[in-house]
């Protein structure tokens, strides 16, 4: 399993943006499709909202990659 860390510049990052920042999707349309298909988990729960706000301490699992949100 790969791990990727995203360091917040603001208070949060949206799920779709996080997937793009980690290089796991090409663009917003790909992120939207993957999220709507239930491929992303936020803190162990399947998340279907591309605009889900992620804060420091949140973890996203996507395509066998763990994304950690850090400040």
PDB file of N, CA and C in Angstrom:
ATOM      1  N   UNK A   1       0.841  -1.182   0.000  1.00  0.00           N
ATOM      2  CA  UNK A   1       0.000   0.000   0.000  1.00  0.00           C
ATOM      3  C   UNK A   1       0.888   1.248   0.000  1.00  0.00           C
ATOM      4  N   UNK A   2       0.569   2.174  -0.881  1.00  0.00           N
ATOM      5  CA  UNK A   2       1.304   3.436  -0.937  1.00  0.00           C
ATOM      6  C   UNK A   2       0.712   4.427   0.050  1.00  0.00           C
ATOM      7  N   UNK A   3       1.520   5.384   0.459  1.00  0.00           N
ATOM      8  CA  UNK A   3       1.036   6.462   1.317  1.00  0.00           C
ATOM      9  C   UNK A   3       1.405   7.788   0.689  1.00  0.00           C
ATOM     10  N   UNK A   4       0.505   8.749   0.833  1.00  0.00           N
ATOM     11  CA  UNK A   4       0.723  10.082   0.293  1.00  0.00           C
ATOM     12  C   UNK A   4       0.278  11.079   1.350  1.00  0.00           C
ATOM     13  N   UNK A   5       1.055  12.121   1.551  1.00  0.00           N
ATOM     14  CA  UNK A   5       0.705  13.139   2.536  1.00  0.00           C
ATOM     15  C   UNK A   5       0.349  14.434   1.822  1.00  0.00           C
ATOM     16  N   UNK A   6      -0.750  15.036   2.262  1.00  0.00           N
ATOM     17  CA  UNK A   6      -1.150  16.339   1.740  1.00  0.00           C
ATOM     18  C   UNK A   6      -1.108  17.321   2.900  1.00  0.00           C
ATOM     19  N   UNK A   7      -0.355  18.393   2.713  1.00  0.00           N
ATOM     20  CA  UNK A   7      -0.238  19.421   3.741  1.00  0.00           C
ATOM     21  C   UNK A   7      -1.184  20.570   3.396  1.00  0.00           C
ATOM     22  N   UNK A   8      -2.090  20.866   4.313  1.00  0.00           N
ATOM     23  CA  UNK A   8      -3.101  21.890   4.085  1.00  0.00           C
ATOM     24  C   UNK A   8      -2.495  23.284   4.066  1.00  0.00           C
ATOM     25  N   UNK A   9      -2.938  24.100   3.122  1.00  0.00           N
ATOM     26  CA  UNK A   9      -2.597  25.524   3.106  1.00  0.00           C
ATOM     27  C   UNK A   9      -3.729  26.317   3.747  1.00  0.00           C
ATOM     28  N   UNK A  10      -4.944  25.783   3.620  1.00  0.00           N
ATOM     29  CA  UNK A  10      -6.129  26.396   4.223  1.00  0.00           C
ATOM     30  C   UNK A  10      -6.622  25.476   5.332  1.00  0.00           C
ATOM     31  N   UNK A  11      -7.840  25.691   5.791  1.00  0.00           N
ATOM     32  CA  UNK A  11      -8.385  24.871   6.870  1.00  0.00           C
ATOM     33  C   UNK A  11      -8.770  23.468   6.393  1.00  0.00           C
ATOM     34  N   UNK A  12      -9.067  23.331   5.091  1.00  0.00           N
ATOM     35  CA  UNK A  12      -9.506  22.039   4.560  1.00  0.00           C
ATOM     36  C   UNK A  12      -9.155  21.940   3.079  1.00  0.00           C
ATOM     37  N   UNK A  13      -9.282  20.712   2.546  1.00  0.00           N
ATOM     38  CA  UNK A  13      -9.201  20.456   1.112  1.00  0.00           C
ATOM     39  C   UNK A  13     -10.373  19.546   0.781  1.00  0.00           C
ATOM     40  N   UNK A  14     -10.950  19.719  -0.392  1.00  0.00           N
ATOM     41  CA  UNK A  14     -12.077  18.871  -0.789  1.00  0.00           C
ATOM     42  C   UNK A  14     -11.553  17.536  -1.315  1.00  0.00           C
ATOM     43  N   UNK A  15     -12.374  16.518  -1.170  1.00  0.00           N
ATOM     44  CA  UNK A  15     -11.974  15.158  -1.537  1.00  0.00           C
ATOM     45  C   UNK A  15     -11.489  15.064  -2.979  1.00  0.00           C
ATOM     46  N   UNK A  16     -12.225  15.622  -3.917  1.00  0.00           N
ATOM     47  CA  UNK A  16     -11.822  15.576  -5.319  1.00  0.00           C
ATOM     48  C   UNK A  16     -10.472  16.236  -5.544  1.00  0.00           C
ATOM     49  N   UNK A  17     -10.241  17.360  -4.864  1.00  0.00           N
ATOM     50  CA  UNK A  17      -8.956  18.061  -4.983  1.00  0.00           C
ATOM     51  C   UNK A  17      -7.825  17.223  -4.400  1.00  0.00           C
ATOM     52  N   UNK A  18      -8.108  16.534  -3.305  1.00  0.00           N
ATOM     53  CA  UNK A  18      -7.085  15.693  -2.677  1.00  0.00           C
ATOM     54  C   UNK A  18      -6.671  14.555  -3.607  1.00  0.00           C
ATOM     55  N   UNK A  19      -7.634  13.940  -4.283  1.00  0.00           N
ATOM     56  CA  UNK A  19      -7.313  12.855  -5.210  1.00  0.00           C
ATOM     57  C   UNK A  19      -6.468  13.362  -6.369  1.00  0.00           C
ATOM     58  N   UNK A  20      -6.779  14.568  -6.848  1.00  0.00           N
ATOM     59  CA  UNK A  20      -5.981  15.160  -7.922  1.00  0.00           C
ATOM     60  C   UNK A  20      -4.577  15.507  -7.419  1.00  0.00           C
ATOM     61  N   UNK A  21      -4.490  16.082  -6.234  1.00  0.00           N
ATOM     62  CA  UNK A  21      -3.191  16.483  -5.673  1.00  0.00           C
ATOM     63  C   UNK A  21      -2.283  15.273  -5.470  1.00  0.00           C
ATOM     64  N   UNK A  22      -2.877  14.133  -5.144  1.00  0.00           N
ATOM     65  CA  UNK A  22      -2.096  12.913  -4.937  1.00  0.00           C
ATOM     66  C   UNK A  22      -1.761  12.216  -6.258  1.00  0.00           C
ATOM     67  N   UNK A  23      -2.282  12.734  -7.363  1.00  0.00           N
ATOM     68  CA  UNK A  23      -2.006  12.150  -8.671  1.00  0.00           C
ATOM     69  C   UNK A  23      -2.761  10.863  -8.930  1.00  0.00           C
ATOM     70  N   UNK A  24      -3.856  10.654  -8.211  1.00  0.00           N
ATOM     71  CA  UNK A  24      -4.613   9.402  -8.352  1.00  0.00           C
ATOM     72  C   UNK A  24      -5.695   9.486  -9.424  1.00  0.00           C
ATOM     73  N   UNK A  25      -6.068  10.703  -9.809  1.00  0.00           N
ATOM     74  CA  UNK A  25      -7.010  10.918 -10.908  1.00  0.00           C
ATOM     75  C   UNK A  25      -6.452  12.028 -11.785  1.00  0.00           C
ATOM     76  N   UNK A  26      -6.871  12.033 -13.046  1.00  0.00           N
ATOM     77  CA  UNK A  26      -6.365  13.030 -13.997  1.00  0.00           C
ATOM     78  C   UNK A  26      -7.009  14.398 -13.812  1.00  0.00           C
ATOM     79  N   UNK A  27      -8.327  14.400 -13.570  1.00  0.00           N
ATOM     80  CA  UNK A  27      -9.047  15.666 -13.518  1.00  0.00           C
ATOM     81  C   UNK A  27     -10.291  15.540 -12.643  1.00  0.00           C
ATOM     82  N   UNK A  28     -11.025  16.633 -12.545  1.00  0.00           N
ATOM     83  CA  UNK A  28     -12.216  16.650 -11.703  1.00  0.00           C
ATOM     84  C   UNK A  28     -13.288  15.671 -12.150  1.00  0.00           C
ATOM     85  N   UNK A  29     -13.430  15.492 -13.460  1.00  0.00           N
ATOM     86  CA  UNK A  29     -14.438  14.554 -13.968  1.00  0.00           C
ATOM     87  C   UNK A  29     -14.110  13.129 -13.549  1.00  0.00           C
ATOM     88  N   UNK A  30     -12.829  12.756 -13.618  1.00  0.00           N
ATOM     89  CA  UNK A  30     -12.418  11.416 -13.189  1.00  0.00           C
ATOM     90  C   UNK A  30     -12.639  11.246 -11.686  1.00  0.00           C
ATOM     91  N   UNK A  31     -12.329  12.296 -10.923  1.00  0.00           N
ATOM     92  CA  UNK A  31     -12.524  12.249  -9.472  1.00  0.00           C
ATOM     93  C   UNK A  31     -14.003  12.054  -9.156  1.00  0.00           C
ATOM     94  N   UNK A  32     -14.856  12.813  -9.822  1.00  0.00           N
ATOM     95  CA  UNK A  32     -16.302  12.729  -9.592  1.00  0.00           C
ATOM     96  C   UNK A  32     -16.818  11.316  -9.871  1.00  0.00           C
ATOM     97  N   UNK A  33     -16.408  10.749 -10.997  1.00  0.00           N
ATOM     98  CA  UNK A  33     -16.865   9.409 -11.371  1.00  0.00           C
ATOM     99  C   UNK A  33     -16.403   8.368 -10.352  1.00  0.00           C
ATOM    100  N   UNK A  34     -15.136   8.426  -9.968  1.00  0.00           N
ATOM    101  CA  UNK A  34     -14.601   7.448  -9.021  1.00  0.00           C
ATOM    102  C   UNK A  34     -15.287   7.564  -7.661  1.00  0.00           C
ATOM    103  N   UNK A  35     -15.508   8.784  -7.212  1.00  0.00           N
ATOM    104  CA  UNK A  35     -16.146   8.991  -5.905  1.00  0.00           C
ATOM    105  C   UNK A  35     -17.597   8.522  -5.942  1.00  0.00           C
ATOM    106  N   UNK A  36     -18.307   8.858  -7.010  1.00  0.00           N
ATOM    107  CA  UNK A  36     -19.702   8.423  -7.123  1.00  0.00           C
ATOM    108  C   UNK A  36     -19.824   6.908  -7.228  1.00  0.00           C
ATOM    109  N   UNK A  37     -18.779   6.258  -7.707  1.00  0.00           N
ATOM    110  CA  UNK A  37     -18.772   4.790  -7.792  1.00  0.00           C
ATOM    111  C   UNK A  37     -18.394   4.139  -6.463  1.00  0.00           C
ATOM    112  N   UNK A  38     -18.141   4.953  -5.435  1.00  0.00           N
ATOM    113  CA  UNK A  38     -17.845   4.421  -4.108  1.00  0.00           C
ATOM    114  C   UNK A  38     -16.416   3.939  -3.939  1.00  0.00           C
ATOM    115  N   UNK A  39     -15.490   4.463  -4.737  1.00  0.00           N
ATOM    116  CA  UNK A  39     -14.105   4.002  -4.689  1.00  0.00           C
ATOM    117  C   UNK A  39     -13.264   4.687  -3.613  1.00  0.00           C
ATOM    118  N   UNK A  40     -13.800   5.733  -2.983  1.00  0.00           N
ATOM    119  CA  UNK A  40     -13.028   6.480  -1.972  1.00  0.00           C
ATOM    120  C   UNK A  40     -13.625   6.267  -0.583  1.00  0.00           C
ATOM    121  N   UNK A  41     -12.746   6.051   0.382  1.00  0.00           N
ATOM    122  CA  UNK A  41     -13.172   5.947   1.774  1.00  0.00           C
ATOM    123  C   UNK A  41     -12.504   7.064   2.567  1.00  0.00           C
ATOM    124  N   UNK A  42     -13.297   7.756   3.368  1.00  0.00           N
ATOM    125  CA  UNK A  42     -12.773   8.803   4.251  1.00  0.00           C
ATOM    126  C   UNK A  42     -12.931   8.304   5.682  1.00  0.00           C
ATOM    127  N   UNK A  43     -11.825   8.159   6.369  1.00  0.00           N
ATOM    128  CA  UNK A  43     -11.817   7.660   7.747  1.00  0.00           C
ATOM    129  C   UNK A  43     -12.581   6.343   7.868  1.00  0.00           C
ATOM    130  N   UNK A  44     -12.392   5.463   6.864  1.00  0.00           N
ATOM    131  CA  UNK A  44     -12.975   4.128   6.907  1.00  0.00           C
ATOM    132  C   UNK A  44     -14.395   4.011   6.385  1.00  0.00           C
ATOM    133  N   UNK A  45     -15.017   5.141   6.022  1.00  0.00           N
ATOM    134  CA  UNK A  45     -16.398   5.133   5.526  1.00  0.00           C
ATOM    135  C   UNK A  45     -16.409   5.510   4.046  1.00  0.00           C
ATOM    136  N   UNK A  46     -17.186   4.786   3.232  1.00  0.00           N
ATOM    137  CA  UNK A  46     -17.308   5.130   1.817  1.00  0.00           C
ATOM    138  C   UNK A  46     -17.924   6.521   1.711  1.00  0.00           C
ATOM    139  N   UNK A  47     -17.322   7.357   0.878  1.00  0.00           N
ATOM    140  CA  UNK A  47     -17.784   8.738   0.702  1.00  0.00           C
ATOM    141  C   UNK A  47     -18.174   8.954  -0.758  1.00  0.00           C
ATOM    142  N   UNK A  48     -19.363   9.544  -0.978  1.00  0.00           N
ATOM    143  CA  UNK A  48     -19.878   9.741  -2.328  1.00  0.00           C
ATOM    144  C   UNK A  48     -19.890  11.211  -2.745  1.00  0.00           C
ATOM    145  N   UNK A  49     -19.452  12.112  -1.881  1.00  0.00           N
ATOM    146  CA  UNK A  49     -19.479  13.538  -2.190  1.00  0.00           C
ATOM    147  C   UNK A  49     -18.083  14.027  -2.571  1.00  0.00           C
ATOM    148  N   UNK A  50     -17.949  14.495  -3.807  1.00  0.00           N
ATOM    149  CA  UNK A  50     -16.658  15.011  -4.267  1.00  0.00           C
ATOM    150  C   UNK A  50     -16.238  16.230  -3.451  1.00  0.00           C
ATOM    151  N   UNK A  51     -17.219  17.003  -2.988  1.00  0.00           N
ATOM    152  CA  UNK A  51     -16.932  18.221  -2.241  1.00  0.00           C
ATOM    153  C   UNK A  51     -16.757  18.017  -0.746  1.00  0.00           C
ATOM    154  N   UNK A  52     -16.694  16.763  -0.300  1.00  0.00           N
ATOM    155  CA  UNK A  52     -16.487  16.475   1.127  1.00  0.00           C
ATOM    156  C   UNK A  52     -15.231  17.182   1.609  1.00  0.00           C
ATOM    157  N   UNK A  53     -15.358  17.955   2.677  1.00  0.00           N
ATOM    158  CA  UNK A  53     -14.217  18.695   3.210  1.00  0.00           C
ATOM    159  C   UNK A  53     -13.369  17.785   4.095  1.00  0.00           C
ATOM    160  N   UNK A  54     -12.078  17.790   3.834  1.00  0.00           N
ATOM    161  CA  UNK A  54     -11.125  16.992   4.607  1.00  0.00           C
ATOM    162  C   UNK A  54     -10.290  17.937   5.461  1.00  0.00           C
ATOM    163  N   UNK A  55     -10.151  17.586   6.718  1.00  0.00           N
ATOM    164  CA  UNK A  55      -9.421  18.415   7.664  1.00  0.00           C
ATOM    165  C   UNK A  55      -8.199  17.658   8.178  1.00  0.00           C
ATOM    166  N   UNK A  56      -7.348  18.370   8.901  1.00  0.00           N
ATOM    167  CA  UNK A  56      -6.159  17.768   9.487  1.00  0.00           C
ATOM    168  C   UNK A  56      -6.542  16.507  10.264  1.00  0.00           C
ATOM    169  N   UNK A  57      -5.825  15.424  10.025  1.00  0.00           N
ATOM    170  CA  UNK A  57      -6.081  14.167  10.719  1.00  0.00           C
ATOM    171  C   UNK A  57      -6.948  13.194   9.938  1.00  0.00           C
ATOM    172  N   UNK A  58      -7.643  13.670   8.895  1.00  0.00           N
ATOM    173  CA  UNK A  58      -8.460  12.777   8.085  1.00  0.00           C
ATOM    174  C   UNK A  58      -7.566  11.872   7.237  1.00  0.00           C
ATOM    175  N   UNK A  59      -8.092  10.686   6.905  1.00  0.00           N
ATOM    176  CA  UNK A  59      -7.390   9.739   6.048  1.00  0.00           C
ATOM    177  C   UNK A  59      -8.321   9.270   4.946  1.00  0.00           C
ATOM    178  N   UNK A  60      -7.784   9.186   3.741  1.00  0.00           N
ATOM    179  CA  UNK A  60      -8.541   8.750   2.571  1.00  0.00           C
ATOM    180  C   UNK A  60      -7.873   7.506   2.008  1.00  0.00           C
ATOM    181  N   UNK A  61      -8.662   6.477   1.745  1.00  0.00           N
ATOM    182  CA  UNK A  61      -8.175   5.282   1.043  1.00  0.00           C
ATOM    183  C   UNK A  61      -8.750   5.314  -0.371  1.00  0.00           C
ATOM    184  N   UNK A  62      -7.866   5.190  -1.352  1.00  0.00           N
ATOM    185  CA  UNK A  62      -8.304   5.192  -2.745  1.00  0.00           C
ATOM    186  C   UNK A  62      -7.284   4.406  -3.553  1.00  0.00           C
ATOM    187  N   UNK A  63      -7.746   3.424  -4.299  1.00  0.00           N
ATOM    188  CA  UNK A  63      -6.883   2.641  -5.198  1.00  0.00           C
ATOM    189  C   UNK A  63      -5.623   2.143  -4.480  1.00  0.00           C
ATOM    190  N   UNK A  64      -5.792   1.534  -3.332  1.00  0.00           N
ATOM    191  CA  UNK A  64      -4.683   0.963  -2.555  1.00  0.00           C
ATOM    192  C   UNK A  64      -3.646   2.016  -2.147  1.00  0.00           C
ATOM    193  N   UNK A  65      -4.102   3.276  -2.034  1.00  0.00           N
ATOM    194  CA  UNK A  65      -3.234   4.358  -1.572  1.00  0.00           C
ATOM    195  C   UNK A  65      -3.902   5.049  -0.397  1.00  0.00           C
ATOM    196  N   UNK A  66      -3.134   5.264   0.646  1.00  0.00           N
ATOM    197  CA  UNK A  66      -3.612   5.983   1.833  1.00  0.00           C
ATOM    198  C   UNK A  66      -3.126   7.426   1.742  1.00  0.00           C
ATOM    199  N   UNK A  67      -4.072   8.350   1.799  1.00  0.00           N
ATOM    200  CA  UNK A  67      -3.742   9.770   1.780  1.00  0.00           C
ATOM    201  C   UNK A  67      -3.983  10.313   3.176  1.00  0.00           C
ATOM    202  N   UNK A  68      -2.955  10.911   3.768  1.00  0.00           N
ATOM    203  CA  UNK A  68      -3.066  11.519   5.096  1.00  0.00           C
ATOM    204  C   UNK A  68      -3.112  13.028   4.937  1.00  0.00           C
ATOM    205  N   UNK A  69      -4.079  13.647   5.611  1.00  0.00           N
ATOM    206  CA  UNK A  69      -4.229  15.088   5.573  1.00  0.00           C
ATOM    207  C   UNK A  69      -3.541  15.683   6.799  1.00  0.00           C
ATOM    208  N   UNK A  70      -2.556  16.527   6.533  1.00  0.00           N
ATOM    209  CA  UNK A  70      -1.745  17.109   7.600  1.00  0.00           C
ATOM    210  C   UNK A  70      -1.740  18.620   7.485  1.00  0.00           C
ATOM    211  N   UNK A  71      -1.401  19.270   8.579  1.00  0.00           N
ATOM    212  CA  UNK A  71      -1.346  20.739   8.590  1.00  0.00           C
ATOM    213  C   UNK A  71       0.087  21.197   8.477  1.00  0.00           C
TER     214      UNK A  71
END
